[in-house]
């Protein structure tokens, strides 16, 4: 792509034109409309970057792609995977080595593991991200919210983190409220937003199809696609990180296990620790009118927080829809009452 007169990449225009021709939803979960592509709803401003990514990204066999629905643990997963794959160069602080300075204590996980739609977003840069991507050392760790059908990866490892849709919906509501520009209209009213979510209209939704797509791939290709549950990660973080390291081809050695490296990584990436990092407290994510504080990424991260925000009737309705939509996929979340 070549930068045009307005600093825009001329080659990006074709993706903008393609995006503008896709079916639109007049309302989304936030203040922006959605576009539908291959059965999924995308925030309109991320549709063209996704098309560019799908068309031009070339995966390496050593790449690691982290996939989540929005507000389903992406920040935590980024930190954990970065700490695991980079531990040779950046070991976590162990007992007696607390003065070691780790990149995660100076930078946001989103800076260290960028979202691919940010790299391809025309507002992010007037030039294509190719040189930046080519310059990243292997293994490149990148993140997406895109469904598997829009994943421009072949032969590399993919880690998918699935979260209870009820908690995901509540977290998304708070996130959209935090990131909306000052003075902008209020986010979609709760009842309307919930109806949209149950109809499948949410960022990169329907959520059930998003989960089912990655689940089926994890069953078909377990050596390339790993399916994790957020709730299991919370319950057994050390065990989950150990399995992650094995899947990523860099298992912990007996010496590392004896030295407490898995536990040190979990401690380094804990919500409280990451929330205390200045870059996560005061730093900014995004550019221009769509920038917002990194602190918006750090709320509670709890399991079952939906109970404080949703009625039992709302919870049953969403659980029933998810169960029905997943029927026959082999994936069962068994979420009611969680």
Protein backbone atom coordinates (compact mmCIF):
# COMPACT_ATOMS: atom_id res chain seq x y z
CA UNK A 1 0.00 0.00 0.00
CA UNK A 2 1.19 3.51 -0.81
CA UNK A 3 0.44 6.59 1.29
CA UNK A 4 -1.88 8.99 -0.51
CA UNK A 5 -2.23 12.77 -0.37
CA UNK A 6 -4.02 12.70 2.97
CA UNK A 7 -1.51 10.36 4.55
CA UNK A 8 -3.87 7.48 3.95
CA UNK A 9 -2.70 4.25 2.37
CA UNK A 10 -4.21 4.16 -1.12
CA UNK A 11 -4.36 0.38 -1.12
CA UNK A 12 -6.55 0.51 1.96
CA UNK A 13 -9.33 2.22 0.02
CA UNK A 14 -10.42 -1.03 -1.62
CA UNK A 15 -10.98 -2.59 1.81
CA UNK A 16 -12.96 0.45 2.93
CA UNK A 17 -15.12 0.15 -0.18
CA UNK A 18 -15.64 -3.56 0.40
CA UNK A 19 -16.51 -2.94 4.05
CA UNK A 20 -19.04 -0.23 3.18
CA UNK A 21 -20.84 -2.65 0.85
CA UNK A 22 -21.46 -5.24 3.57
CA UNK A 23 -24.81 -5.53 5.41
CA UNK A 24 -25.11 -3.04 8.26
CA UNK A 25 -26.81 -3.11 11.62
CA UNK A 26 -28.05 0.36 12.64
CA UNK A 27 -27.25 -0.28 16.30
CA UNK A 28 -24.51 -2.14 18.09
CA UNK A 29 -23.39 -2.48 21.67
CA UNK A 30 -21.66 0.90 21.53
CA UNK A 31 -22.02 4.12 19.59
CA UNK A 32 -20.86 2.63 16.29
CA UNK A 33 -22.78 0.54 13.71
CA UNK A 34 -21.79 -2.99 12.76
CA UNK A 35 -21.06 -4.70 9.46
CA UNK A 36 -21.80 -8.37 8.78
CA UNK A 37 -19.16 -10.57 7.18
CA UNK A 38 -19.40 -14.34 6.80
CA UNK A 39 -22.12 -14.54 9.42
CA UNK A 40 -20.43 -12.39 12.08
CA UNK A 41 -20.93 -8.79 13.18
CA UNK A 42 -17.89 -6.49 13.22
CA UNK A 43 -17.62 -2.95 14.62
CA UNK A 44 -17.69 -0.88 11.44
CA UNK A 45 -14.33 0.82 12.07
CA UNK A 46 -12.64 -2.61 12.35
CA UNK A 47 -14.18 -4.16 9.25
CA UNK A 48 -11.75 -2.76 6.66
CA UNK A 49 -8.67 -3.57 8.81
CA UNK A 50 -9.96 -7.13 9.18
CA UNK A 51 -10.40 -7.49 5.42
CA UNK A 52 -6.88 -6.15 4.85
CA UNK A 53 -5.50 -8.55 7.45
CA UNK A 54 -7.31 -11.50 5.91
CA UNK A 55 -6.04 -10.60 2.45
CA UNK A 56 -2.40 -9.77 3.17
CA UNK A 57 -1.15 -11.38 6.39
CA UNK A 58 1.31 -14.23 5.88
CA UNK A 59 1.67 -16.50 8.89
CA UNK A 60 4.90 -18.14 9.96
CA UNK A 61 4.84 -21.70 11.35
CA UNK A 62 6.26 -20.29 14.59
CA UNK A 63 3.52 -17.66 15.01
CA UNK A 64 1.17 -17.76 17.99
CA UNK A 65 -2.29 -16.25 17.51
CA UNK A 66 -4.33 -15.48 20.63
CA UNK A 67 -8.08 -15.34 20.00
CA UNK A 68 -10.91 -14.19 22.26
CA UNK A 69 -14.27 -12.52 22.17
CA UNK A 70 -13.97 -8.95 23.48
CA UNK A 71 -13.80 -8.78 27.27
CA UNK A 72 -13.12 -12.48 27.66
CA UNK A 73 -9.63 -12.40 29.14
CA UNK A 74 -7.51 -11.18 26.22
CA UNK A 75 -5.35 -8.90 28.39
CA UNK A 76 -4.59 -11.69 30.85
CA UNK A 77 -3.95 -14.25 28.10
CA UNK A 78 -1.58 -11.87 26.32
CA UNK A 79 0.44 -11.35 29.49
CA UNK A 80 0.62 -15.06 30.33
CA UNK A 81 1.65 -16.18 26.84
CA UNK A 82 4.18 -13.37 26.48
CA UNK A 83 5.73 -14.31 29.83
CA UNK A 84 5.85 -18.00 28.86
CA UNK A 85 7.39 -17.67 25.39
CA UNK A 86 9.82 -14.86 26.33
CA UNK A 87 10.96 -16.28 29.68
CA UNK A 88 14.38 -17.19 28.31
CA UNK A 89 15.18 -13.55 27.62
CA UNK A 90 12.88 -12.05 30.25
CA UNK A 91 12.62 -14.45 33.21
CA UNK A 92 9.92 -13.68 35.77
CA UNK A 93 11.09 -12.46 39.15
CA UNK A 94 11.92 -15.39 41.42
CA UNK A 95 12.73 -15.37 45.10
CA UNK A 96 15.94 -13.41 45.54
CA UNK A 97 15.57 -11.75 42.12
CA UNK A 98 12.77 -9.26 42.79
CA UNK A 99 14.78 -6.39 41.29
CA UNK A 100 14.60 -7.92 37.81
CA UNK A 101 12.74 -5.57 35.46
CA UNK A 102 10.30 -7.42 33.22
CA UNK A 103 8.69 -5.79 30.13
CA UNK A 104 5.26 -6.53 31.61
CA UNK A 105 6.14 -4.23 34.51
CA UNK A 106 6.81 -1.33 32.13
CA UNK A 107 4.43 -1.84 29.21
CA UNK A 108 0.83 -2.80 28.57
CA UNK A 109 0.23 -6.38 27.40
CA UNK A 110 -1.50 -4.81 24.40
CA UNK A 111 1.72 -3.07 23.43
CA UNK A 112 3.78 -6.25 23.77
CA UNK A 113 1.18 -8.43 22.03
CA UNK A 114 -0.69 -6.21 19.55
CA UNK A 115 -4.13 -6.84 18.16
CA UNK A 116 -3.85 -7.48 14.44
CA UNK A 117 -6.81 -5.23 13.71
CA UNK A 118 -4.87 -2.40 15.38
CA UNK A 119 -1.86 -3.07 13.17
CA UNK A 120 -4.04 -3.04 10.07
CA UNK A 121 -6.27 -0.18 11.18
CA UNK A 122 -5.78 2.69 8.74
CA UNK A 123 -6.00 5.14 11.62
CA UNK A 124 -3.07 3.37 13.28
CA UNK A 125 -0.59 4.22 10.58
CA UNK A 126 -0.39 5.72 7.10
CA UNK A 127 1.74 2.77 6.02
CA UNK A 128 0.95 -0.97 5.87
CA UNK A 129 2.14 -3.03 8.85
CA UNK A 130 4.20 -5.41 6.72
CA UNK A 131 7.65 -4.08 7.69
CA UNK A 132 6.69 -4.03 11.36
CA UNK A 133 5.39 -7.59 11.21
CA UNK A 134 8.41 -8.80 9.27
CA UNK A 135 10.68 -7.23 11.85
CA UNK A 136 9.06 -8.98 14.80
CA UNK A 137 11.27 -11.77 16.16
CA UNK A 138 9.93 -15.32 16.17
CA UNK A 139 7.84 -16.53 17.72
CA UNK A 140 5.56 -13.62 16.87
CA UNK A 141 2.67 -13.42 19.33
CA UNK A 142 -0.36 -11.60 17.94
CA UNK A 143 -3.98 -11.30 18.99
CA UNK A 144 -7.38 -11.23 17.29
CA UNK A 145 -11.04 -10.95 18.19
CA UNK A 146 -11.96 -12.24 14.75
CA UNK A 147 -13.81 -15.55 14.40
CA UNK A 148 -11.92 -18.52 13.01
CA UNK A 149 -13.49 -18.00 9.58
CA UNK A 150 -11.61 -14.67 9.33
CA UNK A 151 -8.35 -15.88 10.82
CA UNK A 152 -5.49 -15.33 8.35
CA UNK A 153 -3.37 -18.09 9.84
CA UNK A 154 -2.38 -21.47 8.53
CA UNK A 155 -0.13 -23.96 10.23
CA UNK A 156 0.69 -21.79 13.24
CA UNK A 157 -0.50 -22.26 16.81
CA UNK A 158 -3.78 -20.69 17.95
CA UNK A 159 -4.88 -20.29 21.58
CA UNK A 160 -8.56 -19.51 22.17
CA UNK A 161 -9.89 -18.33 25.53
CA UNK A 162 -13.62 -18.82 26.12
CA UNK A 163 -15.55 -17.01 28.86
CA UNK A 164 -19.07 -17.33 30.24
CA UNK A 165 -21.11 -15.10 27.89
CA UNK A 166 -22.95 -13.58 30.87
CA UNK A 167 -19.73 -12.28 32.39
CA UNK A 168 -18.53 -11.29 28.93
CA UNK A 169 -21.66 -9.22 28.33
CA UNK A 170 -21.40 -7.41 31.68
CA UNK A 171 -17.69 -6.71 31.21
CA UNK A 172 -18.33 -5.41 27.69
CA UNK A 173 -20.94 -2.98 29.03
CA UNK A 174 -18.50 -1.51 31.54
CA UNK A 175 -15.71 -1.37 28.97
CA UNK A 176 -17.79 0.51 26.40
CA UNK A 177 -18.82 2.99 29.07
CA UNK A 178 -15.19 3.52 30.08
CA UNK A 179 -13.89 4.02 26.55
CA UNK A 180 -16.60 6.27 25.11
CA UNK A 181 -15.26 9.75 24.30
CA UNK A 182 -16.12 12.49 26.78
CA UNK A 183 -19.37 14.19 25.85
CA UNK A 184 -20.49 11.40 23.53
CA UNK A 185 -23.98 9.87 23.80
CA UNK A 186 -24.58 7.22 26.43
CA UNK A 187 -24.00 3.62 25.44
CA UNK A 188 -26.94 1.50 24.35
CA UNK A 189 -29.47 1.05 27.22
CA UNK A 190 -29.05 -2.23 29.10
CA UNK A 191 -32.33 -3.85 28.01
CA UNK A 192 -31.71 -3.01 24.34
CA UNK A 193 -28.07 -4.10 24.52
CA UNK A 194 -29.06 -7.41 26.10
CA UNK A 195 -31.67 -8.05 23.41
CA UNK A 196 -29.06 -7.35 20.74
CA UNK A 197 -26.58 -9.68 22.45
CA UNK A 198 -29.18 -12.45 22.59
CA UNK A 199 -29.86 -11.87 18.88
CA UNK A 200 -26.16 -12.37 18.19
CA UNK A 201 -25.40 -8.68 17.57
CA UNK A 202 -22.23 -7.96 19.53
CA UNK A 203 -18.61 -7.23 18.61
CA UNK A 204 -17.47 -10.23 16.53
CA UNK A 205 -20.63 -12.13 17.52
CA UNK A 206 -22.72 -14.18 17.70
CA UNK A 207 -20.73 -15.31 20.72
CA UNK A 208 -21.92 -18.94 20.40
CA UNK A 209 -20.78 -19.24 16.79
CA UNK A 210 -17.45 -17.63 17.71
CA UNK A 211 -16.84 -20.20 20.45
CA UNK A 212 -18.07 -23.14 18.40
CA UNK A 213 -15.78 -22.29 15.47
CA UNK A 214 -12.63 -22.42 17.57
CA UNK A 215 -13.88 -25.42 19.54
CA UNK A 216 -14.38 -27.49 16.39
CA UNK A 217 -10.89 -26.60 15.17
CA UNK A 218 -9.38 -27.56 18.54
CA UNK A 219 -11.02 -30.98 18.27
CA UNK A 220 -9.94 -31.46 14.66
CA UNK A 221 -6.39 -30.10 15.13
CA UNK A 222 -5.43 -30.28 18.83
CA UNK A 223 -1.76 -29.77 18.03
CA UNK A 224 -2.47 -26.41 16.39
CA UNK A 225 -5.52 -25.02 18.22
CA UNK A 226 -5.88 -24.96 22.01
CA UNK A 227 -9.27 -24.21 23.60
CA UNK A 228 -9.12 -22.77 27.13
CA UNK A 229 -11.88 -21.84 29.55
CA UNK A 230 -11.49 -18.58 31.48
CA UNK A 231 -13.11 -20.17 34.51
CA UNK A 232 -10.60 -23.04 34.49
CA UNK A 233 -7.74 -20.57 34.12
CA UNK A 234 -8.98 -18.74 37.21
CA UNK A 235 -9.38 -21.98 39.17
CA UNK A 236 -6.00 -23.48 38.27
CA UNK A 237 -3.76 -20.81 36.78
CA UNK A 238 -0.50 -22.69 37.36
CA UNK A 239 -1.81 -25.89 35.79
CA UNK A 240 -3.24 -23.94 32.85
CA UNK A 241 0.05 -22.09 32.29
CA UNK A 242 1.90 -25.40 32.39
CA UNK A 243 -0.40 -26.80 29.69
CA UNK A 244 0.02 -23.59 27.69
CA UNK A 245 3.81 -23.94 27.75
CA UNK A 246 3.56 -27.53 26.53
CA UNK A 247 1.18 -26.58 23.73
CA UNK A 248 3.40 -23.69 22.65
CA UNK A 249 6.38 -26.02 22.30
CA UNK A 250 8.34 -24.60 25.24
CA UNK A 251 7.44 -26.80 28.23
CA UNK A 252 8.83 -25.97 31.63
CA UNK A 253 11.93 -27.95 32.53
CA UNK A 254 12.13 -29.92 35.75
CA UNK A 255 14.51 -27.26 37.02
CA UNK A 256 12.02 -24.49 36.21
CA UNK A 257 9.20 -26.35 37.93
CA UNK A 258 11.35 -26.94 41.00
CA UNK A 259 12.36 -23.27 40.97
CA UNK A 260 8.77 -22.05 40.88
CA UNK A 261 8.83 -20.47 37.41
CA UNK A 262 5.17 -21.32 36.58
CA UNK A 263 4.05 -19.77 39.87
CA UNK A 264 6.24 -16.71 39.24
CA UNK A 265 4.62 -16.19 35.82
CA UNK A 266 1.14 -16.42 37.32
CA UNK A 267 2.11 -13.88 40.01
CA UNK A 268 3.66 -11.55 37.44
CA UNK A 269 0.46 -11.62 35.36
CA UNK A 270 -2.04 -11.35 38.20
CA UNK A 271 -4.75 -8.72 37.92
CA UNK A 272 -3.47 -6.80 40.94
CA UNK A 273 0.11 -6.81 39.68
CA UNK A 274 -0.81 -5.67 36.18
CA UNK A 275 -3.20 -3.05 37.51
CA UNK A 276 -0.35 -1.54 39.55
CA UNK A 277 1.88 -1.01 36.49
CA UNK A 278 2.02 2.66 35.58
CA UNK A 279 1.59 1.97 31.87
CA UNK A 280 -1.67 0.16 32.66
CA UNK A 281 -2.86 2.91 35.03
CA UNK A 282 -2.04 5.98 32.97
CA UNK A 283 -1.10 4.85 29.47
CA UNK A 284 -3.33 5.19 26.43
CA UNK A 285 -4.53 2.66 23.87
CA UNK A 286 -5.41 3.60 20.31
CA UNK A 287 -5.03 6.87 18.46
CA UNK A 288 -7.07 9.95 17.69
CA UNK A 289 -10.73 10.00 18.63
CA UNK A 290 -10.73 6.30 19.47
CA UNK A 291 -8.01 6.43 22.12
CA UNK A 292 -8.76 5.58 25.74
CA UNK A 293 -6.90 4.80 28.94
CA UNK A 294 -5.31 1.38 29.37
CA UNK A 295 -6.98 1.24 32.78
CA UNK A 296 -10.24 0.43 30.96
CA UNK A 297 -8.82 -3.05 30.33
CA UNK A 298 -8.57 -3.76 34.06
CA UNK A 299 -11.82 -4.06 35.98
CA UNK A 300 -12.54 -7.10 38.15
CA UNK A 301 -11.84 -10.20 36.07
CA UNK A 302 -14.06 -12.21 38.38
CA UNK A 303 -16.12 -15.30 37.63
CA UNK A 304 -19.83 -14.83 38.29
CA UNK A 305 -19.81 -11.02 38.43
CA UNK A 306 -22.89 -11.10 36.20
CA UNK A 307 -25.00 -11.87 39.29
CA UNK A 308 -24.63 -8.26 40.45
CA UNK A 309 -25.86 -6.87 37.14
CA UNK A 310 -28.30 -9.34 35.56
CA UNK A 311 -31.59 -10.74 36.78
CA UNK A 312 -32.01 -14.52 37.06
CA UNK A 313 -34.48 -14.31 34.17
CA UNK A 314 -31.92 -12.62 31.94
CA UNK A 315 -29.30 -15.21 32.88
CA UNK A 316 -31.62 -18.13 32.10
CA UNK A 317 -32.60 -16.60 28.78
CA UNK A 318 -28.99 -16.21 27.66
CA UNK A 319 -27.93 -19.62 28.99
CA UNK A 320 -30.82 -21.29 27.15
CA UNK A 321 -29.93 -19.54 23.89
CA UNK A 322 -26.25 -20.48 24.17
CA UNK A 323 -27.10 -24.10 25.02
CA UNK A 324 -29.47 -24.35 22.07
CA UNK A 325 -27.05 -22.73 19.63
CA UNK A 326 -24.17 -24.99 20.72
CA UNK A 327 -26.23 -28.18 20.50
CA UNK A 328 -24.53 -30.62 18.19
CA UNK A 329 -21.17 -28.86 18.32
CA UNK A 330 -19.79 -31.06 21.10
CA UNK A 331 -19.17 -27.98 23.27
CA UNK A 332 -21.18 -27.60 26.45
CA UNK A 333 -20.55 -24.68 28.80
CA UNK A 334 -22.92 -25.78 31.60
CA UNK A 335 -23.14 -22.23 32.81
CA UNK A 336 -26.46 -21.95 34.66
CA UNK A 337 -25.86 -20.96 38.27
CA UNK A 338 -22.16 -20.16 37.81
